[in-house]
PDB file of N, CA and C in Angstrom:
ATOM      1  N   MET A   1      28.372  -3.005 -20.218  1.00  0.00           N
ATOM      2  CA  MET A   1      28.583  -2.211 -21.405  1.00  0.00           C
ATOM      3  C   MET A   1      29.856  -1.395 -21.292  1.00  0.00           C
ATOM      4  N   SER A   2      30.846  -1.936 -20.632  1.00  0.00           N
ATOM      5  CA  SER A   2      32.079  -1.182 -20.469  1.00  0.00           C
ATOM      6  C   SER A   2      33.034  -1.377 -21.635  1.00  0.00           C
ATOM      7  N   GLU A   3      32.746  -2.336 -22.488  1.00  0.00           N
ATOM      8  CA  GLU A   3      33.614  -2.557 -23.647  1.00  0.00           C
ATOM      9  C   GLU A   3      33.320  -1.489 -24.700  1.00  0.00           C
ATOM     10  N   GLU A   4      34.376  -0.833 -25.115  1.00  0.00           N
ATOM     11  CA  GLU A   4      34.225   0.170 -26.156  1.00  0.00           C
ATOM     12  C   GLU A   4      35.290  -0.075 -27.210  1.00  0.00           C
ATOM     13  N   LYS A   5      34.990   0.390 -28.394  1.00  0.00           N
ATOM     14  CA  LYS A   5      35.985   0.298 -29.464  1.00  0.00           C
ATOM     15  C   LYS A   5      37.121   1.250 -29.132  1.00  0.00           C
ATOM     16  N   LYS A   6      38.238   1.076 -29.794  1.00  0.00           N
ATOM     17  CA  LYS A   6      39.369   1.976 -29.597  1.00  0.00           C
ATOM     18  C   LYS A   6      38.934   3.397 -29.894  1.00  0.00           C
ATOM     19  N   GLY A   7      39.420   4.316 -29.094  1.00  0.00           N
ATOM     20  CA  GLY A   7      39.041   5.703 -29.280  1.00  0.00           C
ATOM     21  C   GLY A   7      37.891   6.111 -28.375  1.00  0.00           C
ATOM     22  N   GLY A   8      37.364   5.195 -27.568  1.00  0.00           N
ATOM     23  CA  GLY A   8      36.320   5.519 -26.613  1.00  0.00           C
ATOM     24  C   GLY A   8      34.911   5.514 -27.168  1.00  0.00           C
ATOM     25  N   SER A   9      34.708   5.130 -28.394  1.00  0.00           N
ATOM     26  CA  SER A   9      33.375   5.100 -28.986  1.00  0.00           C
ATOM     27  C   SER A   9      32.689   3.784 -28.687  1.00  0.00           C
ATOM     28  N   PRO A  10      31.404   3.828 -28.392  1.00  0.00           N
ATOM     29  CA  PRO A  10      30.678   2.566 -28.183  1.00  0.00           C
ATOM     30  C   PRO A  10      30.518   1.816 -29.507  1.00  0.00           C
ATOM     31  N   SER A  11      30.461   0.517 -29.401  1.00  0.00           N
ATOM     32  CA  SER A  11      30.283  -0.311 -30.598  1.00  0.00           C
ATOM     33  C   SER A  11      28.835  -0.233 -31.064  1.00  0.00           C
ATOM     34  N   PRO A  12      28.571  -0.606 -32.308  1.00  0.00           N
ATOM     35  CA  PRO A  12      27.183  -0.623 -32.790  1.00  0.00           C
ATOM     36  C   PRO A  12      26.288  -1.523 -31.932  1.00  0.00           C
ATOM     37  N   GLU A  13      26.842  -2.618 -31.433  1.00  0.00           N
ATOM     38  CA  GLU A  13      26.066  -3.527 -30.581  1.00  0.00           C
ATOM     39  C   GLU A  13      25.689  -2.838 -29.270  1.00  0.00           C
ATOM     40  N   GLN A  14      26.624  -2.064 -28.721  1.00  0.00           N
ATOM     41  CA  GLN A  14      26.343  -1.338 -27.483  1.00  0.00           C
ATOM     42  C   GLN A  14      25.275  -0.267 -27.709  1.00  0.00           C
ATOM     43  N   ILE A  15      25.396   0.417 -28.806  1.00  0.00           N
ATOM     44  CA  ILE A  15      24.398   1.443 -29.134  1.00  0.00           C
ATOM     45  C   ILE A  15      23.024   0.805 -29.295  1.00  0.00           C
ATOM     46  N   GLN A  16      22.976  -0.330 -29.997  1.00  0.00           N
ATOM     47  CA  GLN A  16      21.708  -1.029 -30.197  1.00  0.00           C
ATOM     48  C   GLN A  16      21.128  -1.484 -28.862  1.00  0.00           C
ATOM     49  N   ALA A  17      21.978  -1.992 -27.982  1.00  0.00           N
ATOM     50  CA  ALA A  17      21.518  -2.442 -26.667  1.00  0.00           C
ATOM     51  C   ALA A  17      20.968  -1.259 -25.864  1.00  0.00           C
ATOM     52  N   GLU A  18      21.629  -0.121 -25.933  1.00  0.00           N
ATOM     53  CA  GLU A  18      21.145   1.066 -25.226  1.00  0.00           C
ATOM     54  C   GLU A  18      19.813   1.548 -25.800  1.00  0.00           C
ATOM     55  N   ILE A  19      19.686   1.482 -27.107  1.00  0.00           N
ATOM     56  CA  ILE A  19      18.422   1.865 -27.753  1.00  0.00           C
ATOM     57  C   ILE A  19      17.294   0.956 -27.285  1.00  0.00           C
ATOM     58  N   GLU A  20      17.552  -0.340 -27.240  1.00  0.00           N
ATOM     59  CA  GLU A  20      16.524  -1.290 -26.803  1.00  0.00           C
ATOM     60  C   GLU A  20      16.148  -1.055 -25.347  1.00  0.00           C
ATOM     61  N   GLN A  21      17.140  -0.774 -24.502  1.00  0.00           N
ATOM     62  CA  GLN A  21      16.866  -0.514 -23.091  1.00  0.00           C
ATOM     63  C   GLN A  21      16.035   0.767 -22.944  1.00  0.00           C
ATOM     64  N   THR A  22      16.403   1.797 -23.669  1.00  0.00           N
ATOM     65  CA  THR A  22      15.660   3.055 -23.623  1.00  0.00           C
ATOM     66  C   THR A  22      14.239   2.862 -24.136  1.00  0.00           C
ATOM     67  N   ARG A  23      14.095   2.082 -25.175  1.00  0.00           N
ATOM     68  CA  ARG A  23      12.772   1.798 -25.735  1.00  0.00           C
ATOM     69  C   ARG A  23      11.893   1.083 -24.704  1.00  0.00           C
ATOM     70  N   ALA A  24      12.469   0.111 -23.994  1.00  0.00           N
ATOM     71  CA  ALA A  24      11.719  -0.623 -22.972  1.00  0.00           C
ATOM     72  C   ALA A  24      11.330   0.303 -21.819  1.00  0.00           C
ATOM     73  N   GLU A  25      12.248   1.159 -21.404  1.00  0.00           N
ATOM     74  CA  GLU A  25      11.945   2.105 -20.332  1.00  0.00           C
ATOM     75  C   GLU A  25      10.852   3.080 -20.758  1.00  0.00           C
ATOM     76  N   LEU A  26      10.910   3.528 -21.984  1.00  0.00           N
ATOM     77  CA  LEU A  26       9.896   4.443 -22.502  1.00  0.00           C
ATOM     78  C   LEU A  26       8.531   3.755 -22.551  1.00  0.00           C
ATOM     79  N   ALA A  27       8.508   2.510 -22.965  1.00  0.00           N
ATOM     80  CA  ALA A  27       7.245   1.764 -23.012  1.00  0.00           C
ATOM     81  C   ALA A  27       6.657   1.633 -21.605  1.00  0.00           C
ATOM     82  N   ASP A  28       7.508   1.358 -20.607  1.00  0.00           N
ATOM     83  CA  ASP A  28       7.033   1.275 -19.221  1.00  0.00           C
ATOM     84  C   ASP A  28       6.453   2.613 -18.764  1.00  0.00           C
ATOM     85  N   THR A  29       7.139   3.694 -19.105  1.00  0.00           N
ATOM     86  CA  THR A  29       6.675   5.019 -18.717  1.00  0.00           C
ATOM     87  C   THR A  29       5.329   5.336 -19.357  1.00  0.00           C
ATOM     88  N   VAL A  30       5.184   5.020 -20.622  1.00  0.00           N
ATOM     89  CA  VAL A  30       3.910   5.260 -21.319  1.00  0.00           C
ATOM     90  C   VAL A  30       2.796   4.429 -20.679  1.00  0.00           C
ATOM     91  N   ASP A  31       3.094   3.189 -20.327  1.00  0.00           N
ATOM     92  CA  ASP A  31       2.095   2.345 -19.660  1.00  0.00           C
ATOM     93  C   ASP A  31       1.681   2.944 -18.316  1.00  0.00           C
ATOM     94  N   GLN A  32       2.652   3.434 -17.556  1.00  0.00           N
ATOM     95  CA  GLN A  32       2.346   4.035 -16.261  1.00  0.00           C
ATOM     96  C   GLN A  32       1.479   5.284 -16.433  1.00  0.00           C
ATOM     97  N   LEU A  33       1.809   6.092 -17.413  1.00  0.00           N
ATOM     98  CA  LEU A  33       1.004   7.290 -17.678  1.00  0.00           C
ATOM     99  C   LEU A  33      -0.417   6.920 -18.093  1.00  0.00           C
ATOM    100  N   GLY A  34      -0.540   5.891 -18.905  1.00  0.00           N
ATOM    101  CA  GLY A  34      -1.867   5.419 -19.312  1.00  0.00           C
ATOM    102  C   GLY A  34      -2.676   4.944 -18.123  1.00  0.00           C
ATOM    103  N   ASP A  35      -2.031   4.229 -17.208  1.00  0.00           N
ATOM    104  CA  ASP A  35      -2.723   3.759 -16.007  1.00  0.00           C
ATOM    105  C   ASP A  35      -3.179   4.936 -15.145  1.00  0.00           C
ATOM    106  N   ARG A  36      -2.315   5.936 -15.000  1.00  0.00           N
ATOM    107  CA  ARG A  36      -2.675   7.116 -14.212  1.00  0.00           C
ATOM    108  C   ARG A  36      -3.828   7.872 -14.858  1.00  0.00           C
ATOM    109  N   LEU A  37      -3.808   7.968 -16.178  1.00  0.00           N
ATOM    110  CA  LEU A  37      -4.887   8.659 -16.886  1.00  0.00           C
ATOM    111  C   LEU A  37      -6.208   7.929 -16.702  1.00  0.00           C
ATOM    112  N   THR A  38      -6.170   6.616 -16.803  1.00  0.00           N
ATOM    113  CA  THR A  38      -7.376   5.810 -16.606  1.00  0.00           C
ATOM    114  C   THR A  38      -7.929   6.018 -15.197  1.00  0.00           C
ATOM    115  N   GLU A  39      -7.036   6.041 -14.214  1.00  0.00           N
ATOM    116  CA  GLU A  39      -7.465   6.254 -12.829  1.00  0.00           C
ATOM    117  C   GLU A  39      -8.095   7.632 -12.657  1.00  0.00           C
ATOM    118  N   ARG A  40      -7.488   8.642 -13.255  1.00  0.00           N
ATOM    119  CA  ARG A  40      -8.032  10.001 -13.151  1.00  0.00           C
ATOM    120  C   ARG A  40      -9.392  10.105 -13.833  1.00  0.00           C
ATOM    121  N   LYS A  41      -9.546   9.431 -14.962  1.00  0.00           N
ATOM    122  CA  LYS A  41     -10.846   9.447 -15.659  1.00  0.00           C
ATOM    123  C   LYS A  41     -11.915   8.800 -14.785  1.00  0.00           C
ATOM    124  N   GLN A  42     -11.559   7.694 -14.126  1.00  0.00           N
ATOM    125  CA  GLN A  42     -12.518   7.021 -13.246  1.00  0.00           C
ATOM    126  C   GLN A  42     -12.901   7.925 -12.075  1.00  0.00           C
ATOM    127  N   GLN A  43     -11.913   8.637 -11.522  1.00  0.00           N
ATOM    128  CA  GLN A  43     -12.194   9.555 -10.417  1.00  0.00           C
ATOM    129  C   GLN A  43     -13.114  10.680 -10.882  1.00  0.00           C
ATOM    130  N   ALA A  44     -12.870  11.202 -12.073  1.00  0.00           N
ATOM    131  CA  ALA A  44     -13.702  12.286 -12.602  1.00  0.00           C
ATOM    132  C   ALA A  44     -15.127  11.799 -12.847  1.00  0.00           C
ATOM    133  N   THR A  45     -15.258  10.591 -13.368  1.00  0.00           N
ATOM    134  CA  THR A  45     -16.587  10.021 -13.611  1.00  0.00           C
ATOM    135  C   THR A  45     -17.333   9.828 -12.296  1.00  0.00           C
ATOM    136  N   GLN A  46     -16.632   9.349 -11.294  1.00  0.00           N
ATOM    137  CA  GLN A  46     -17.246   9.146  -9.987  1.00  0.00           C
ATOM    138  C   GLN A  46     -17.670  10.486  -9.378  1.00  0.00           C
ATOM    139  N   ALA A  47     -16.831  11.489  -9.489  1.00  0.00           N
ATOM    140  CA  ALA A  47     -17.166  12.812  -8.964  1.00  0.00           C
ATOM    141  C   ALA A  47     -18.394  13.384  -9.681  1.00  0.00           C
ATOM    142  N   ALA A  48     -18.465  13.195 -10.983  1.00  0.00           N
ATOM    143  CA  ALA A  48     -19.622  13.683 -11.747  1.00  0.00           C
ATOM    144  C   ALA A  48     -20.889  12.948 -11.318  1.00  0.00           C
ATOM    145  N   THR A  49     -20.773  11.666 -11.048  1.00  0.00           N
ATOM    146  CA  THR A  49     -21.926  10.884 -10.592  1.00  0.00           C
ATOM    147  C   THR A  49     -22.421  11.393  -9.247  1.00  0.00           C
ATOM    148  N   TYR A  50     -21.476  11.655  -8.336  1.00  0.00           N
ATOM    149  CA  TYR A  50     -21.860  12.185  -7.021  1.00  0.00           C
ATOM    150  C   TYR A  50     -22.510  13.563  -7.155  1.00  0.00           C
ATOM    151  N   ALA A  51     -21.967  14.391  -8.027  1.00  0.00           N
ATOM    152  CA  ALA A  51     -22.531  15.729  -8.234  1.00  0.00           C
ATOM    153  C   ALA A  51     -23.948  15.628  -8.784  1.00  0.00           C
ATOM    154  N   ALA A  52     -24.159  14.732  -9.730  1.00  0.00           N
ATOM    155  CA  ALA A  52     -25.495  14.556 -10.307  1.00  0.00           C
ATOM    156  C   ALA A  52     -26.469  14.045  -9.251  1.00  0.00           C
ATOM    157  N   ALA A  53     -26.020  13.153  -8.395  1.00  0.00           N
ATOM    158  CA  ALA A  53     -26.877  12.639  -7.328  1.00  0.00           C
ATOM    159  C   ALA A  53     -27.224  13.753  -6.348  1.00  0.00           C
ATOM    160  N   ALA A  54     -26.258  14.609  -6.042  1.00  0.00           N
ATOM    161  CA  ALA A  54     -26.509  15.721  -5.117  1.00  0.00           C
ATOM    162  C   ALA A  54     -27.513  16.701  -5.712  1.00  0.00           C
ATOM    163  N   VAL A  55     -27.369  17.001  -6.981  1.00  0.00           N
ATOM    164  CA  VAL A  55     -28.307  17.900  -7.649  1.00  0.00           C
ATOM    165  C   VAL A  55     -29.703  17.277  -7.660  1.00  0.00           C
ATOM    166  N   GLY A  56     -29.766  16.004  -7.958  1.00  0.00           N
ATOM    167  CA  GLY A  56     -31.060  15.314  -7.953  1.00  0.00           C
ATOM    168  C   GLY A  56     -31.718  15.347  -6.582  1.00  0.00           C
ATOM    169  N   ALA A  57     -30.924  15.137  -5.538  1.00  0.00           N
ATOM    170  CA  ALA A  57     -31.470  15.180  -4.177  1.00  0.00           C
ATOM    171  C   ALA A  57     -31.944  16.588  -3.834  1.00  0.00           C
ATOM    172  N   LEU A  58     -31.195  17.599  -4.249  1.00  0.00           N
ATOM    173  CA  LEU A  58     -31.596  18.989  -3.991  1.00  0.00           C
ATOM    174  C   LEU A  58     -32.910  19.314  -4.693  1.00  0.00           C
ATOM    175  N   VAL A  59     -33.036  18.881  -5.931  1.00  0.00           N
ATOM    176  CA  VAL A  59     -34.283  19.119  -6.675  1.00  0.00           C
ATOM    177  C   VAL A  59     -35.450  18.420  -5.971  1.00  0.00           C
ATOM    178  N   ALA A  60     -35.227  17.206  -5.516  1.00  0.00           N
ATOM    179  CA  ALA A  60     -36.289  16.467  -4.826  1.00  0.00           C
ATOM    180  C   ALA A  60     -36.710  17.199  -3.556  1.00  0.00           C
ATOM    181  N   VAL A  61     -35.740  17.707  -2.804  1.00  0.00           N
ATOM    182  CA  VAL A  61     -36.062  18.447  -1.576  1.00  0.00           C
ATOM    183  C   VAL A  61     -36.846  19.705  -1.912  1.00  0.00           C
ATOM    184  N   LEU A  62     -36.432  20.425  -2.936  1.00  0.00           N
ATOM    185  CA  LEU A  62     -37.143  21.637  -3.328  1.00  0.00           C
ATOM    186  C   LEU A  62     -38.571  21.346  -3.760  1.00  0.00           C
ATOM    187  N   VAL A  63     -38.765  20.268  -4.473  1.00  0.00           N
ATOM    188  CA  VAL A  63     -40.116  19.881  -4.902  1.00  0.00           C
ATOM    189  C   VAL A  63     -40.967  19.548  -3.686  1.00  0.00           C
ATOM    190  N   VAL A  64     -40.419  18.811  -2.747  1.00  0.00           N
ATOM    191  CA  VAL A  64     -41.172  18.455  -1.537  1.00  0.00           C
ATOM    192  C   VAL A  64     -41.535  19.704  -0.752  1.00  0.00           C
ATOM    193  N   VAL A  65     -40.592  20.635  -0.604  1.00  0.00           N
ATOM    194  CA  VAL A  65     -40.866  21.875   0.121  1.00  0.00           C
ATOM    195  C   VAL A  65     -41.977  22.653  -0.579  1.00  0.00           C
ATOM    196  N   LYS A  66     -41.909  22.738  -1.889  1.00  0.00           N
ATOM    197  CA  LYS A  66     -42.929  23.485  -2.643  1.00  0.00           C
ATOM    198  C   LYS A  66     -44.304  22.822  -2.485  1.00  0.00           C
ATOM    199  N   VAL A  67     -44.355  21.516  -2.542  1.00  0.00           N
ATOM    200  CA  VAL A  67     -45.621  20.793  -2.384  1.00  0.00           C
ATOM    201  C   VAL A  67     -46.174  21.001  -0.989  1.00  0.00           C
ATOM    202  N   VAL A  68     -45.310  20.920   0.014  1.00  0.00           N
ATOM    203  CA  VAL A  68     -45.772  21.107   1.389  1.00  0.00           C
ATOM    204  C   VAL A  68     -46.299  22.521   1.586  1.00  0.00           C
ATOM    205  N   LYS A  69     -45.613  23.508   1.053  1.00  0.00           N
ATOM    206  CA  LYS A  69     -46.088  24.895   1.152  1.00  0.00           C
ATOM    207  C   LYS A  69     -47.443  25.065   0.481  1.00  0.00           C
ATOM    208  N   LYS A  70     -47.621  24.428  -0.657  1.00  0.00           N
ATOM    209  CA  LYS A  70     -48.884  24.565  -1.402  1.00  0.00           C
ATOM    210  C   LYS A  70     -50.017  23.891  -0.628  1.00  0.00           C
ATOM    211  N   VAL A  71     -49.737  22.749  -0.015  1.00  0.00           N
ATOM    212  CA  VAL A  71     -50.758  22.032   0.748  1.00  0.00           C
ATOM    213  C   VAL A  71     -51.168  22.831   1.972  1.00  0.00           C
ATOM    214  N   ARG A  72     -50.228  23.490   2.595  1.00  0.00           N
ATOM    215  CA  ARG A  72     -50.515  24.268   3.811  1.00  0.00           C
ATOM    216  C   ARG A  72     -51.276  25.554   3.529  1.00  0.00           C
ATOM    217  N   SER A  73     -51.200  26.058   2.319  1.00  0.00           N
ATOM    218  CA  SER A  73     -51.861  27.339   2.042  1.00  0.00           C
ATOM    219  C   SER A  73     -53.242  27.189   1.497  1.00  0.00           C
TER     220      SER A  73
END
């Protein structure tokens, strides 16, 4: 893209080519951001699942402790 019209101005073809290149780069960036967002959502979902499992296990332990205490008394 070193060819320029007299006076140092880029030609319309050069401007169009730069616009297309910028558009392609922007599309790649948006795709990368979308992929990162999807990955973060999956991580958050997995973390929530683990938290729910931990809470469920804690409730189960508390119920067992309460039942054992009641049986012993």
